[in-house]
C-alpha atoms as a PDB file:
ATOM      1  CA  UNK A   1      84.329  80.097 120.653  1.00  0.00           C
ATOM      2  CA  UNK A   2      81.413  82.082 119.253  1.00  0.00           C
ATOM      3  CA  UNK A   3      78.425  82.926 121.365  1.00  0.00           C
ATOM      4  CA  UNK A   4      74.983  81.768 120.343  1.00  0.00           C
ATOM      5  CA  UNK A   5      72.832  84.558 118.935  1.00  0.00           C
ATOM      6  CA  UNK A   6      69.214  85.171 119.927  1.00  0.00           C
ATOM      7  CA  UNK A   7      67.842  83.578 116.747  1.00  0.00           C
ATOM      8  CA  UNK A   8      69.998  80.502 117.140  1.00  0.00           C
ATOM      9  CA  UNK A   9      68.967  80.257 120.795  1.00  0.00           C
ATOM     10  CA  UNK A  10      65.284  80.351 119.860  1.00  0.00           C
ATOM     11  CA  UNK A  11      65.763  77.639 117.240  1.00  0.00           C
ATOM     12  CA  UNK A  12      67.789  75.520 119.662  1.00  0.00           C
ATOM     13  CA  UNK A  13      65.135  75.906 122.391  1.00  0.00           C
ATOM     14  CA  UNK A  14      62.366  74.969 119.937  1.00  0.00           C
ATOM     15  CA  UNK A  15      64.224  71.879 118.740  1.00  0.00           C
ATOM     16  CA  UNK A  16      64.985  70.833 122.313  1.00  0.00           C
ATOM     17  CA  UNK A  17      61.301  71.245 123.268  1.00  0.00           C
ATOM     18  CA  UNK A  18      60.322  69.209 120.199  1.00  0.00           C
ATOM     19  CA  UNK A  19      62.768  66.458 121.200  1.00  0.00           C
ATOM     20  CA  UNK A  20      61.440  66.366 124.770  1.00  0.00           C
ATOM     21  CA  UNK A  21      57.830  66.328 123.529  1.00  0.00           C
ATOM     22  CA  UNK A  22      58.585  63.477 121.149  1.00  0.00           C
ATOM     23  CA  UNK A  23      60.249  61.523 123.948  1.00  0.00           C
ATOM     24  CA  UNK A  24      57.287  62.058 126.277  1.00  0.00           C
ATOM     25  CA  UNK A  25      54.865  60.963 123.545  1.00  0.00           C
ATOM     26  CA  UNK A  26      56.950  57.859 122.764  1.00  0.00           C
ATOM     27  CA  UNK A  27      57.153  56.861 126.432  1.00  0.00           C
ATOM     28  CA  UNK A  28      53.412  57.379 126.971  1.00  0.00           C
ATOM     29  CA  UNK A  29      52.557  55.388 123.842  1.00  0.00           C
ATOM     30  CA  UNK A  30      54.924  52.596 124.897  1.00  0.00           C
ATOM     31  CA  UNK A  31      53.532  52.345 128.433  1.00  0.00           C
ATOM     32  CA  UNK A  32      49.878  52.600 127.374  1.00  0.00           C
ATOM     33  CA  UNK A  33      50.243  49.385 125.379  1.00  0.00           C
ATOM     34  CA  UNK A  34      51.659  47.473 128.357  1.00  0.00           C
ATOM     35  CA  UNK A  35      49.210  44.563 128.044  1.00  0.00           C
ATOM     36  CA  UNK A  36      49.910  43.888 124.375  1.00  0.00           C
ATOM     37  CA  UNK A  37      52.040  40.825 123.704  1.00  0.00           C
ATOM     38  CA  UNK A  38      54.285  40.901 120.664  1.00  0.00           C
ATOM     39  CA  UNK A  39      55.159  37.511 119.182  1.00  0.00           C
ATOM     40  CA  UNK A  40      58.611  36.503 117.964  1.00  0.00           C
ATOM     41  CA  UNK A  41      57.555  37.201 114.379  1.00  0.00           C
ATOM     42  CA  UNK A  42      56.470  40.685 115.433  1.00  0.00           C
ATOM     43  CA  UNK A  43      59.852  41.437 117.038  1.00  0.00           C
ATOM     44  CA  UNK A  44      61.576  40.020 113.963  1.00  0.00           C
ATOM     45  CA  UNK A  45      59.483  42.278 111.697  1.00  0.00           C
ATOM     46  CA  UNK A  46      60.236  45.329 113.861  1.00  0.00           C
ATOM     47  CA  UNK A  47      63.963  44.512 113.890  1.00  0.00           C
ATOM     48  CA  UNK A  48      64.205  43.872 110.158  1.00  0.00           C
ATOM     49  CA  UNK A  49      62.159  46.961 109.350  1.00  0.00           C
ATOM     50  CA  UNK A  50      64.423  49.117 111.513  1.00  0.00           C
ATOM     51  CA  UNK A  51      67.580  47.531 110.083  1.00  0.00           C
ATOM     52  CA  UNK A  52      66.594  47.947 106.442  1.00  0.00           C
ATOM     53  CA  UNK A  53      65.297  51.473 107.018  1.00  0.00           C
ATOM     54  CA  UNK A  54      68.678  52.432 108.473  1.00  0.00           C
ATOM     55  CA  UNK A  55      70.516  50.747 105.577  1.00  0.00           C
ATOM     56  CA  UNK A  56      68.430  52.574 102.973  1.00  0.00           C
ATOM     57  CA  UNK A  57      68.732  55.930 104.775  1.00  0.00           C
ATOM     58  CA  UNK A  58      72.503  55.648 105.228  1.00  0.00           C
ATOM     59  CA  UNK A  59      72.937  54.531 101.618  1.00  0.00           C
ATOM     60  CA  UNK A  60      70.976  57.498 100.295  1.00  0.00           C
ATOM     61  CA  UNK A  61      73.002  59.929 102.404  1.00  0.00           C
ATOM     62  CA  UNK A  62      76.240  58.285 101.211  1.00  0.00           C
ATOM     63  CA  UNK A  63      75.112  58.534  97.581  1.00  0.00           C
ATOM     64  CA  UNK A  64      74.251  62.196  98.080  1.00  0.00           C
ATOM     65  CA  UNK A  65      77.723  62.957  99.429  1.00  0.00           C
ATOM     66  CA  UNK A  66      79.380  60.888  96.699  1.00  0.00           C
ATOM     67  CA  UNK A  67      77.508  62.606  93.883  1.00  0.00           C
ATOM     68  CA  UNK A  68      78.163  66.028  95.385  1.00  0.00           C
ATOM     69  CA  UNK A  69      81.914  65.381  95.737  1.00  0.00           C
ATOM     70  CA  UNK A  70      82.339  63.956  92.244  1.00  0.00           C
ATOM     71  CA  UNK A  71      80.459  66.648  90.344  1.00  0.00           C
ATOM     72  CA  UNK A  72      77.304  64.725  89.454  1.00  0.00           C
ATOM     73  CA  UNK A  73      75.210  67.511  90.988  1.00  0.00           C
ATOM     74  CA  UNK A  74      76.761  70.257  88.856  1.00  0.00           C
ATOM     75  CA  UNK A  75      74.610  72.095  86.353  1.00  0.00           C
ATOM     76  CA  UNK A  76      74.766  70.761  82.818  1.00  0.00           C
ATOM     77  CA  UNK A  77      75.929  73.783  80.844  1.00  0.00           C
ATOM     78  CA  UNK A  78      78.739  73.276  78.356  1.00  0.00           C
ATOM     79  CA  UNK A  79      79.273  77.040  77.998  1.00  0.00           C
ATOM     80  CA  UNK A  80      79.399  77.804  81.720  1.00  0.00           C
ATOM     81  CA  UNK A  81      83.173  77.681  82.133  1.00  0.00           C
ATOM     82  CA  UNK A  82      83.911  79.718  79.010  1.00  0.00           C
ATOM     83  CA  UNK A  83      81.346  82.359  80.018  1.00  0.00           C
ATOM     84  CA  UNK A  84      82.844  82.602  83.498  1.00  0.00           C
ATOM     85  CA  UNK A  85      86.330  83.088  82.065  1.00  0.00           C
ATOM     86  CA  UNK A  86      85.102  85.685  79.576  1.00  0.00           C
ATOM     87  CA  UNK A  87      83.238  87.552  82.301  1.00  0.00           C
ATOM     88  CA  UNK A  88      86.301  87.491  84.589  1.00  0.00           C
ATOM     89  CA  UNK A  89      88.491  88.777  81.757  1.00  0.00           C
ATOM     90  CA  UNK A  90      85.993  91.538  80.964  1.00  0.00           C
ATOM     91  CA  UNK A  91      85.827  92.577  84.637  1.00  0.00           C
ATOM     92  CA  UNK A  92      89.637  92.668  84.863  1.00  0.00           C
ATOM     93  CA  UNK A  93      89.892  94.805  81.721  1.00  0.00           C
ATOM     94  CA  UNK A  94      87.201  97.140  83.032  1.00  0.00           C
ATOM     95  CA  UNK A  95      89.009  97.474  86.353  1.00  0.00           C
ATOM     96  CA  UNK A  96      92.320  98.171  84.632  1.00  0.00           C
ATOM     97  CA  UNK A  97      90.718 100.875  82.491  1.00  0.00           C
ATOM     98  CA  UNK A  98      89.191 102.584  85.506  1.00  0.00           C
ATOM     99  CA  UNK A  99      92.499 102.546  87.402  1.00  0.00           C
ATOM    100  CA  UNK A 100      94.476 103.908  84.506  1.00  0.00           C
ATOM    101  CA  UNK A 101      98.004 102.847  83.595  1.00  0.00           C
ATOM    102  CA  UNK A 102      99.920 101.097  86.359  1.00  0.00           C
ATOM    103  CA  UNK A 103     103.089 102.532  87.673  1.00  0.00           C
ATOM    104  CA  UNK A 104     105.529 100.039  89.103  1.00  0.00           C
ATOM    105  CA  UNK A 105     107.613 101.389  92.004  1.00  0.00           C
END
C-alpha cells in the first residue's frame, strides 16, 4: 500500500475540515429553526425535491459514463486515425534508419 504524500495529506485534511464545517453549519441551522413547524405538504415537497434531484444527478452521471465508454466523447476528426498511423510509421522508419541495418543472431 502506498503512503500518502504531503500534498495529498494537505488536500485530505482540507476536505475533512470542510466536511466537518459543513456538518456543524447544517446542525446549527437545523437546531436554530426548532420552533418552525413543517406541514405534510412541506415534507412531501422536501422528499420529492430530494428524490428527483438524486434521480437527475444519477442519470447525468450514468449518461456521462455511457457516452465515454461508447466513444461519443471522442474528437470528431476523420483524418485522426490515418495521421496517427502515418506518424507511427514515420517514427518507426526514422528509428530504423538511426539504428542502421539489423543483424539477427
